Amino acid sequence: MVPRLPRIREIVPESEGWGYFLCTYKELRPIRSGELLLFTLQDATGQMQAKLLDDIERFKDEFDAGEFVRIEAHGTTFQGQTQLVVSHIRRVNPPQDRLQGFREEDCVLSAPRSAEQMWGDLSALLQKVRGPHIRGLL
């Protein structure tokens, strides 16, 4: 059974598996030997460059930038940066993929702390403001 990929900030060149991401950029680039599909993948922890080298004709119309995707890939290093080499990619099918753990919120960049925690911190800081009119304005 193929393992699940770690979160983007934890992917290393030895990583291999499958996962759900948001594709934020997609480009079909001509090269000497044909075409190369470059794209940027995102989850709640960050973004990473990815590329598809084989079966371009099969996969190039399977998804668009701005869509959630399911990929199978392995990590590699290119020009000193870790990126993913994708062997299979498709648009997410929400009813089917939710059964496998897909959640939109896992693919969208977010703050490292919850909104409730940050609101609590902000409220505590506002309570330290002495002037009631200034506190109300803030």
Protein backbone atom coordinates (compact mmCIF):
# COMPACT_ATOMS: atom_id res chain seq x y z
CA MET A 1 0.00 0.00 0.00
CA VAL A 2 1.32 3.44 -0.96
CA PRO A 3 1.88 5.72 2.09
CA ARG A 4 0.40 9.18 2.45
CA LEU A 5 2.72 12.12 1.79
CA PRO A 6 3.57 14.32 4.77
CA ARG A 7 2.51 17.97 4.95
CA ILE A 8 4.39 20.26 2.56
CA ARG A 9 6.70 21.75 5.20
CA GLU A 10 7.73 18.19 6.16
CA ILE A 11 8.40 16.84 2.65
CA VAL A 12 12.00 15.79 2.08
CA PRO A 13 13.68 14.29 -1.02
CA GLU A 14 13.03 10.80 0.38
CA SER A 15 9.25 11.39 0.72
CA GLU A 16 7.00 9.24 -1.42
CA GLY A 17 3.27 8.63 -1.51
CA TRP A 18 -0.08 10.24 -2.26
CA GLY A 19 -1.88 13.30 -0.96
CA TYR A 20 -4.42 16.05 -1.47
CA PHE A 21 -3.39 19.59 -2.33
CA LEU A 22 -4.62 22.80 -3.90
CA CYS A 23 -3.01 23.52 -7.28
CA THR A 24 -2.30 27.27 -7.27
CA TYR A 25 -0.32 27.49 -10.53
CA LYS A 26 -0.10 25.36 -13.68
CA GLU A 27 2.06 25.77 -16.77
CA LEU A 28 2.63 23.52 -19.76
CA ARG A 29 6.17 24.28 -20.88
CA PRO A 30 7.72 23.07 -24.15
CA ILE A 31 11.13 21.40 -23.84
CA ARG A 32 13.42 19.78 -26.40
CA SER A 33 12.01 16.32 -25.87
CA GLY A 34 8.34 17.38 -25.77
CA GLU A 35 6.51 19.07 -22.91
CA LEU A 36 6.83 19.48 -19.16
CA LEU A 37 3.96 20.23 -16.79
CA LEU A 38 4.94 22.53 -13.93
CA PHE A 39 2.65 23.44 -11.08
CA THR A 40 2.59 24.71 -7.52
CA LEU A 41 0.89 22.68 -4.82
CA GLN A 42 -0.34 24.05 -1.51
CA ASP A 43 -1.60 22.76 1.81
CA ALA A 44 -2.19 24.45 5.16
CA THR A 45 1.57 24.45 5.89
CA GLY A 46 2.94 26.01 2.69
CA GLN A 47 3.56 25.71 -1.03
CA MET A 48 5.89 23.54 -3.11
CA GLN A 49 6.89 23.34 -6.76
CA ALA A 50 5.99 20.14 -8.57
CA LYS A 51 6.48 18.74 -12.04
CA LEU A 52 5.09 15.99 -14.22
CA LEU A 53 7.58 14.54 -16.67
CA ASP A 54 5.72 11.58 -18.18
CA ASP A 55 2.25 11.02 -19.66
CA ILE A 56 1.73 14.75 -20.20
CA GLU A 57 -1.05 14.16 -22.76
CA ARG A 58 -2.91 11.93 -20.32
CA PHE A 59 -2.78 14.31 -17.34
CA LYS A 60 -2.61 17.88 -18.70
CA ASP A 61 -6.39 18.27 -18.90
CA GLU A 62 -7.14 16.38 -15.66
CA PHE A 63 -7.03 19.55 -13.53
CA ASP A 64 -6.64 23.32 -13.62
CA ALA A 65 -5.00 25.91 -11.39
CA GLY A 66 -7.33 26.76 -8.54
CA GLU A 67 -8.60 23.20 -8.12
CA PHE A 68 -7.98 20.59 -5.44
CA VAL A 69 -6.00 17.62 -6.70
CA ARG A 70 -4.96 14.15 -5.59
CA ILE A 71 -1.42 13.26 -6.52
CA GLU A 72 1.04 10.40 -6.33
CA ALA A 73 4.61 11.67 -6.17
CA HIS A 74 8.08 11.46 -4.72
CA GLY A 75 10.35 14.17 -3.41
CA THR A 76 13.52 15.29 -5.15
CA THR A 77 15.98 18.16 -5.04
CA PHE A 78 16.32 20.56 -7.97
CA GLN A 79 18.66 23.55 -7.82
CA GLY A 80 18.92 23.18 -4.06
CA GLN A 81 15.17 23.11 -3.39
CA THR A 82 12.95 20.20 -2.52
CA GLN A 83 10.12 19.64 -4.96
CA LEU A 84 7.77 16.87 -5.99
CA VAL A 85 7.95 14.75 -9.12
CA VAL A 86 4.39 13.66 -9.81
CA SER A 87 3.55 10.34 -11.45
CA HIS A 88 -0.26 10.67 -11.27
CA ILE A 89 -2.59 13.63 -10.76
CA ARG A 90 -6.32 14.14 -10.97
CA ARG A 91 -8.99 16.60 -9.89
CA VAL A 92 -10.50 15.79 -6.49
CA ASN A 93 -13.86 14.04 -6.51
CA PRO A 94 -15.22 15.37 -3.18
CA PRO A 95 -17.74 12.60 -2.31
CA GLN A 96 -15.22 9.86 -3.09
CA ASP A 97 -12.13 11.58 -1.70
CA ARG A 98 -13.75 12.68 1.58
CA LEU A 99 -13.93 8.97 2.42
CA GLN A 100 -10.13 8.90 2.08
CA GLY A 101 -9.60 11.95 4.31
CA PHE A 102 -9.82 14.89 1.89
CA ARG A 103 -10.76 18.19 3.57
CA GLU A 104 -10.60 21.55 1.77
CA GLU A 105 -9.33 23.31 4.90
CA ASP A 106 -6.24 21.06 4.94
CA CYS A 107 -5.24 22.48 1.54
CA VAL A 108 -5.59 26.20 2.29
CA LEU A 109 -2.82 28.25 3.91
CA SER A 110 -3.67 29.13 7.48
CA ALA A 111 -2.19 30.78 10.53
CA PRO A 112 -0.23 28.51 12.88
CA ARG A 113 -2.78 29.15 15.67
CA SER A 114 -6.58 29.04 15.68
CA ALA A 115 -8.66 32.17 15.15
CA GLU A 116 -10.07 31.72 18.66
CA GLN A 117 -6.60 31.80 20.23
CA MET A 118 -5.56 34.87 18.26
CA TRP A 119 -8.85 36.68 19.07
CA GLY A 120 -8.31 35.91 22.77
CA ASP A 121 -4.80 37.40 22.63
CA LEU A 122 -6.06 40.50 20.85
CA SER A 123 -8.91 40.96 23.34
CA ALA A 124 -6.47 40.67 26.25
CA LEU A 125 -4.26 43.35 24.71
CA LEU A 126 -7.23 45.67 24.16
CA GLN A 127 -8.22 45.35 27.83
CA LYS A 128 -4.86 46.94 28.72
CA VAL A 129 -5.74 50.11 26.82
CA ARG A 130 -6.77 52.65 29.47
CA GLY A 131 -8.92 55.11 27.54
CA PRO A 132 -12.44 53.73 26.96
CA HIS A 133 -12.85 55.76 23.77
CA ILE A 134 -9.55 54.51 22.36
CA ARG A 135 -10.39 50.94 23.42
CA GLY A 136 -13.77 51.26 21.64
CA LEU A 137 -12.07 52.58 18.53
CA LEU A 138 -9.58 49.72 18.54
